[in-house]
Amino acid sequence: MLKWMLTLVVAIFLLGIIGPHLARFVRFGKLPGDFAFRFRGRNYVFPVATTIIFSLLLWLLSRIV
């Protein structure tokens, strides 16, 4: 149990570091179905389509493994 928790913490840490750099090249978050709007000088983004695609990819990966 401890190994899985440690693995999860390390994976989240690495994704937090690598994610923003990877997002510049992949350009997810700008798909049709992703909502972005500006309200009172702030940008709000709701990546609905991107979330669905990532969920499907993770589901397929879990079925393969």
PDB file of N, CA and C in Angstrom:
ATOM      1  N   MET A   1       0.831  -1.197   0.000  1.00  0.00           N
ATOM      2  CA  MET A   1       0.000   0.000   0.000  1.00  0.00           C
ATOM      3  C   MET A   1       0.868   1.252   0.000  1.00  0.00           C
ATOM      4  N   LEU A   2       1.934   1.216   0.775  1.00  0.00           N
ATOM      5  CA  LEU A   2       2.817   2.371   0.871  1.00  0.00           C
ATOM      6  C   LEU A   2       3.536   2.628  -0.454  1.00  0.00           C
ATOM      7  N   LYS A   3       3.893   1.545  -1.172  1.00  0.00           N
ATOM      8  CA  LYS A   3       4.552   1.695  -2.461  1.00  0.00           C
ATOM      9  C   LYS A   3       3.639   2.409  -3.456  1.00  0.00           C
ATOM     10  N   TRP A   4       2.358   2.040  -3.466  1.00  0.00           N
ATOM     11  CA  TRP A   4       1.412   2.664  -4.387  1.00  0.00           C
ATOM     12  C   TRP A   4       1.209   4.137  -4.059  1.00  0.00           C
ATOM     13  N   MET A   5       1.139   4.466  -2.787  1.00  0.00           N
ATOM     14  CA  MET A   5       0.956   5.862  -2.392  1.00  0.00           C
ATOM     15  C   MET A   5       2.187   6.687  -2.777  1.00  0.00           C
ATOM     16  N   LEU A   6       3.365   6.139  -2.562  1.00  0.00           N
ATOM     17  CA  LEU A   6       4.586   6.835  -2.931  1.00  0.00           C
ATOM     18  C   LEU A   6       4.678   7.004  -4.447  1.00  0.00           C
ATOM     19  N   THR A   7       4.321   5.982  -5.197  1.00  0.00           N
ATOM     20  CA  THR A   7       4.311   6.062  -6.652  1.00  0.00           C
ATOM     21  C   THR A   7       3.332   7.126  -7.136  1.00  0.00           C
ATOM     22  N   LEU A   8       2.159   7.177  -6.526  1.00  0.00           N
ATOM     23  CA  LEU A   8       1.150   8.165  -6.894  1.00  0.00           C
ATOM     24  C   LEU A   8       1.634   9.585  -6.612  1.00  0.00           C
ATOM     25  N   VAL A   9       2.258   9.802  -5.476  1.00  0.00           N
ATOM     26  CA  VAL A   9       2.777  11.123  -5.123  1.00  0.00           C
ATOM     27  C   VAL A   9       3.876  11.551  -6.095  1.00  0.00           C
ATOM     28  N   VAL A  10       4.774  10.643  -6.430  1.00  0.00           N
ATOM     29  CA  VAL A  10       5.851  10.963  -7.363  1.00  0.00           C
ATOM     30  C   VAL A  10       5.283  11.245  -8.758  1.00  0.00           C
ATOM     31  N   ALA A  11       4.301  10.467  -9.194  1.00  0.00           N
ATOM     32  CA  ALA A  11       3.697  10.677 -10.513  1.00  0.00           C
ATOM     33  C   ALA A  11       2.991  12.027 -10.583  1.00  0.00           C
ATOM     34  N   ILE A  12       2.245  12.386  -9.550  1.00  0.00           N
ATOM     35  CA  ILE A  12       1.565  13.683  -9.537  1.00  0.00           C
ATOM     36  C   ILE A  12       2.577  14.813  -9.518  1.00  0.00           C
ATOM     37  N   PHE A  13       3.651  14.659  -8.774  1.00  0.00           N
ATOM     38  CA  PHE A  13       4.704  15.669  -8.725  1.00  0.00           C
ATOM     39  C   PHE A  13       5.331  15.869 -10.107  1.00  0.00           C
ATOM     40  N   LEU A  14       5.669  14.758 -10.763  1.00  0.00           N
ATOM     41  CA  LEU A  14       6.290  14.855 -12.090  1.00  0.00           C
ATOM     42  C   LEU A  14       5.331  15.429 -13.126  1.00  0.00           C
ATOM     43  N   LEU A  15       4.062  15.047 -13.062  1.00  0.00           N
ATOM     44  CA  LEU A  15       3.086  15.616 -13.988  1.00  0.00           C
ATOM     45  C   LEU A  15       2.902  17.110 -13.753  1.00  0.00           C
ATOM     46  N   GLY A  16       2.986  17.529 -12.512  1.00  0.00           N
ATOM     47  CA  GLY A  16       2.889  18.946 -12.211  1.00  0.00           C
ATOM     48  C   GLY A  16       4.040  19.748 -12.770  1.00  0.00           C
ATOM     49  N   ILE A  17       5.203  19.145 -12.837  1.00  0.00           N
ATOM     50  CA  ILE A  17       6.373  19.833 -13.389  1.00  0.00           C
ATOM     51  C   ILE A  17       6.364  19.766 -14.919  1.00  0.00           C
ATOM     52  N   ILE A  18       6.085  18.607 -15.472  1.00  0.00           N
ATOM     53  CA  ILE A  18       6.169  18.403 -16.911  1.00  0.00           C
ATOM     54  C   ILE A  18       4.923  18.915 -17.645  1.00  0.00           C
ATOM     55  N   GLY A  19       3.781  18.887 -16.995  1.00  0.00           N
ATOM     56  CA  GLY A  19       2.511  19.242 -17.635  1.00  0.00           C
ATOM     57  C   GLY A  19       2.477  20.587 -18.328  1.00  0.00           C
ATOM     58  N   PRO A  20       2.845  21.679 -17.654  1.00  0.00           N
ATOM     59  CA  PRO A  20       2.785  22.986 -18.323  1.00  0.00           C
ATOM     60  C   PRO A  20       3.697  23.088 -19.545  1.00  0.00           C
ATOM     61  N   HIS A  21       4.865  22.448 -19.487  1.00  0.00           N
ATOM     62  CA  HIS A  21       5.775  22.482 -20.631  1.00  0.00           C
ATOM     63  C   HIS A  21       5.236  21.645 -21.790  1.00  0.00           C
ATOM     64  N   LEU A  22       4.640  20.523 -21.462  1.00  0.00           N
ATOM     65  CA  LEU A  22       4.063  19.651 -22.486  1.00  0.00           C
ATOM     66  C   LEU A  22       2.830  20.280 -23.118  1.00  0.00           C
ATOM     67  N   ALA A  23       2.074  21.048 -22.353  1.00  0.00           N
ATOM     68  CA  ALA A  23       0.847  21.670 -22.855  1.00  0.00           C
ATOM     69  C   ALA A  23       1.132  22.682 -23.962  1.00  0.00           C
ATOM     70  N   ARG A  24       2.308  23.288 -23.953  1.00  0.00           N
ATOM     71  CA  ARG A  24       2.655  24.241 -25.011  1.00  0.00           C
ATOM     72  C   ARG A  24       2.790  23.556 -26.360  1.00  0.00           C
ATOM     73  N   PHE A  25       3.245  22.308 -26.353  1.00  0.00           N
ATOM     74  CA  PHE A  25       3.462  21.598 -27.606  1.00  0.00           C
ATOM     75  C   PHE A  25       2.225  20.826 -28.058  1.00  0.00           C
ATOM     76  N   VAL A  26       1.459  20.289 -27.128  1.00  0.00           N
ATOM     77  CA  VAL A  26       0.318  19.450 -27.470  1.00  0.00           C
ATOM     78  C   VAL A  26      -0.897  20.298 -27.820  1.00  0.00           C
ATOM     79  N   ARG A  27      -1.074  21.423 -27.185  1.00  0.00           N
ATOM     80  CA  ARG A  27      -2.160  22.376 -27.404  1.00  0.00           C
ATOM     81  C   ARG A  27      -3.531  21.822 -27.040  1.00  0.00           C
ATOM     82  N   PHE A  28      -3.596  20.940 -26.048  1.00  0.00           N
ATOM     83  CA  PHE A  28      -4.894  20.536 -25.526  1.00  0.00           C
ATOM     84  C   PHE A  28      -5.501  21.697 -24.772  1.00  0.00           C
ATOM     85  N   GLY A  29      -6.799  21.705 -24.620  1.00  0.00           N
ATOM     86  CA  GLY A  29      -7.480  22.801 -23.950  1.00  0.00           C
ATOM     87  C   GLY A  29      -8.044  23.792 -24.938  1.00  0.00           C
ATOM     88  N   LYS A  30      -7.780  23.589 -26.210  1.00  0.00           N
ATOM     89  CA  LYS A  30      -8.309  24.472 -27.238  1.00  0.00           C
ATOM     90  C   LYS A  30      -9.117  23.671 -28.254  1.00  0.00           C
ATOM     91  N   LEU A  31      -9.682  22.573 -27.819  1.00  0.00           N
ATOM     92  CA  LEU A  31     -10.495  21.744 -28.688  1.00  0.00           C
ATOM     93  C   LEU A  31     -11.912  22.298 -28.756  1.00  0.00           C
ATOM     94  N   PRO A  32     -12.672  21.947 -29.810  1.00  0.00           N
ATOM     95  CA  PRO A  32     -14.087  22.317 -29.820  1.00  0.00           C
ATOM     96  C   PRO A  32     -14.788  21.641 -28.646  1.00  0.00           C
ATOM     97  N   GLY A  33     -15.512  22.390 -27.884  1.00  0.00           N
ATOM     98  CA  GLY A  33     -16.155  21.863 -26.690  1.00  0.00           C
ATOM     99  C   GLY A  33     -15.464  22.317 -25.417  1.00  0.00           C
ATOM    100  N   ASP A  34     -14.325  22.966 -25.542  1.00  0.00           N
ATOM    101  CA  ASP A  34     -13.640  23.559 -24.396  1.00  0.00           C
ATOM    102  C   ASP A  34     -14.085  25.014 -24.290  1.00  0.00           C
ATOM    103  N   PHE A  35     -14.602  25.382 -23.147  1.00  0.00           N
ATOM    104  CA  PHE A  35     -15.150  26.719 -22.966  1.00  0.00           C
ATOM    105  C   PHE A  35     -14.127  27.617 -22.287  1.00  0.00           C
ATOM    106  N   ALA A  36     -13.935  28.787 -22.858  1.00  0.00           N
ATOM    107  CA  ALA A  36     -13.039  29.779 -22.275  1.00  0.00           C
ATOM    108  C   ALA A  36     -13.714  31.141 -22.394  1.00  0.00           C
ATOM    109  N   PHE A  37     -13.731  31.871 -21.302  1.00  0.00           N
ATOM    110  CA  PHE A  37     -14.304  33.210 -21.346  1.00  0.00           C
ATOM    111  C   PHE A  37     -13.603  34.112 -20.345  1.00  0.00           C
ATOM    112  N   ARG A  38     -13.794  35.403 -20.535  1.00  0.00           N
ATOM    113  CA  ARG A  38     -13.168  36.416 -19.691  1.00  0.00           C
ATOM    114  C   ARG A  38     -14.260  37.124 -18.911  1.00  0.00           C
ATOM    115  N   PHE A  39     -14.060  37.234 -17.604  1.00  0.00           N
ATOM    116  CA  PHE A  39     -15.040  37.888 -16.747  1.00  0.00           C
ATOM    117  C   PHE A  39     -14.303  38.724 -15.709  1.00  0.00           C
ATOM    118  N   ARG A  40     -14.551  40.015 -15.725  1.00  0.00           N
ATOM    119  CA  ARG A  40     -13.926  40.960 -14.789  1.00  0.00           C
ATOM    120  C   ARG A  40     -12.405  40.873 -14.792  1.00  0.00           C
ATOM    121  N   GLY A  41     -11.836  40.782 -15.974  1.00  0.00           N
ATOM    122  CA  GLY A  41     -10.388  40.790 -16.108  1.00  0.00           C
ATOM    123  C   GLY A  41      -9.696  39.464 -15.839  1.00  0.00           C
ATOM    124  N   ARG A  42     -10.457  38.404 -15.611  1.00  0.00           N
ATOM    125  CA  ARG A  42      -9.863  37.082 -15.375  1.00  0.00           C
ATOM    126  C   ARG A  42     -10.301  36.122 -16.465  1.00  0.00           C
ATOM    127  N   ASN A  43      -9.412  35.222 -16.817  1.00  0.00           N
ATOM    128  CA  ASN A  43      -9.726  34.191 -17.805  1.00  0.00           C
ATOM    129  C   ASN A  43     -10.179  32.931 -17.080  1.00  0.00           C
ATOM    130  N   TYR A  44     -11.282  32.382 -17.529  1.00  0.00           N
ATOM    131  CA  TYR A  44     -11.798  31.129 -16.987  1.00  0.00           C
ATOM    132  C   TYR A  44     -11.865  30.116 -18.115  1.00  0.00           C
ATOM    133  N   VAL A  45     -11.347  28.920 -17.858  1.00  0.00           N
ATOM    134  CA  VAL A  45     -11.311  27.874 -18.873  1.00  0.00           C
ATOM    135  C   VAL A  45     -11.952  26.622 -18.299  1.00  0.00           C
ATOM    136  N   PHE A  46     -12.856  26.031 -19.062  1.00  0.00           N
ATOM    137  CA  PHE A  46     -13.491  24.769 -18.691  1.00  0.00           C
ATOM    138  C   PHE A  46     -13.245  23.774 -19.824  1.00  0.00           C
ATOM    139  N   PRO A  47     -12.185  22.964 -19.722  1.00  0.00           N
ATOM    140  CA  PRO A  47     -11.807  22.048 -20.817  1.00  0.00           C
ATOM    141  C   PRO A  47     -12.629  20.760 -20.798  1.00  0.00           C
ATOM    142  N   VAL A  48     -13.877  20.859 -21.206  1.00  0.00           N
ATOM    143  CA  VAL A  48     -14.782  19.714 -21.168  1.00  0.00           C
ATOM    144  C   VAL A  48     -14.346  18.630 -22.153  1.00  0.00           C
ATOM    145  N   ALA A  49     -14.119  18.999 -23.405  1.00  0.00           N
ATOM    146  CA  ALA A  49     -13.746  18.011 -24.429  1.00  0.00           C
ATOM    147  C   ALA A  49     -12.386  17.385 -24.123  1.00  0.00           C
ATOM    148  N   THR A  50     -11.446  18.193 -23.658  1.00  0.00           N
ATOM    149  CA  THR A  50     -10.127  17.665 -23.323  1.00  0.00           C
ATOM    150  C   THR A  50     -10.219  16.667 -22.175  1.00  0.00           C
ATOM    151  N   THR A  51     -11.041  16.962 -21.184  1.00  0.00           N
ATOM    152  CA  THR A  51     -11.219  16.062 -20.056  1.00  0.00           C
ATOM    153  C   THR A  51     -11.821  14.728 -20.497  1.00  0.00           C
ATOM    154  N   ILE A  52     -12.786  14.790 -21.395  1.00  0.00           N
ATOM    155  CA  ILE A  52     -13.404  13.560 -21.894  1.00  0.00           C
ATOM    156  C   ILE A  52     -12.390  12.728 -22.673  1.00  0.00           C
ATOM    157  N   ILE A  53     -11.588  13.376 -23.505  1.00  0.00           N
ATOM    158  CA  ILE A  53     -10.578  12.648 -24.287  1.00  0.00           C
ATOM    159  C   ILE A  53      -9.544  12.006 -23.374  1.00  0.00           C
ATOM    160  N   PHE A  54      -9.049  12.757 -22.375  1.00  0.00           N
ATOM    161  CA  PHE A  54      -8.089  12.179 -21.439  1.00  0.00           C
ATOM    162  C   PHE A  54      -8.699  11.032 -20.642  1.00  0.00           C
ATOM    163  N   SER A  55      -9.955  11.154 -20.264  1.00  0.00           N
ATOM    164  CA  SER A  55     -10.624  10.074 -19.538  1.00  0.00           C
ATOM    165  C   SER A  55     -10.719   8.816 -20.394  1.00  0.00           C
ATOM    166  N   LEU A  56     -11.069   8.983 -21.652  1.00  0.00           N
ATOM    167  CA  LEU A  56     -11.143   7.826 -22.549  1.00  0.00           C
ATOM    168  C   LEU A  56      -9.779   7.186 -22.772  1.00  0.00           C
ATOM    169  N   LEU A  57      -8.744   8.015 -22.931  1.00  0.00           N
ATOM    170  CA  LEU A  57      -7.396   7.468 -23.108  1.00  0.00           C
ATOM    171  C   LEU A  57      -6.927   6.706 -21.878  1.00  0.00           C
ATOM    172  N   LEU A  58      -7.188   7.249 -20.698  1.00  0.00           N
ATOM    173  CA  LEU A  58      -6.806   6.546 -19.470  1.00  0.00           C
ATOM    174  C   LEU A  58      -7.608   5.264 -19.294  1.00  0.00           C
ATOM    175  N   TRP A  59      -8.883   5.282 -19.673  1.00  0.00           N
ATOM    176  CA  TRP A  59      -9.715   4.089 -19.580  1.00  0.00           C
ATOM    177  C   TRP A  59      -9.176   3.002 -20.511  1.00  0.00           C
ATOM    178  N   LEU A  60      -8.835   3.396 -21.755  1.00  0.00           N
ATOM    179  CA  LEU A  60      -8.271   2.418 -22.690  1.00  0.00           C
ATOM    180  C   LEU A  60      -6.946   1.862 -22.204  1.00  0.00           C
ATOM    181  N   LEU A  61      -6.120   2.725 -21.651  1.00  0.00           N
ATOM    182  CA  LEU A  61      -4.822   2.295 -21.107  1.00  0.00           C
ATOM    183  C   LEU A  61      -5.021   1.306 -19.959  1.00  0.00           C
ATOM    184  N   SER A  62      -6.003   1.578 -19.102  1.00  0.00           N
ATOM    185  CA  SER A  62      -6.244   0.673 -17.977  1.00  0.00           C
ATOM    186  C   SER A  62      -6.795  -0.676 -18.457  1.00  0.00           C
ATOM    187  N   ARG A  63      -7.553  -0.669 -19.544  1.00  0.00           N
ATOM    188  CA  ARG A  63      -8.077  -1.935 -20.085  1.00  0.00           C
ATOM    189  C   ARG A  63      -6.964  -2.767 -20.716  1.00  0.00           C
ATOM    190  N   ILE A  64      -5.994  -2.086 -21.322  1.00  0.00           N
ATOM    191  CA  ILE A  64      -4.882  -2.801 -21.956  1.00  0.00           C
ATOM    192  C   ILE A  64      -3.966  -3.395 -20.905  1.00  0.00           C
ATOM    193  N   VAL A  65      -3.681  -2.634 -19.872  1.00  0.00           N
ATOM    194  CA  VAL A  65      -2.781  -3.107 -18.820  1.00  0.00           C
ATOM    195  C   VAL A  65      -3.565  -3.996 -17.922  1.00  0.00           C
TER     196      VAL A  65
END
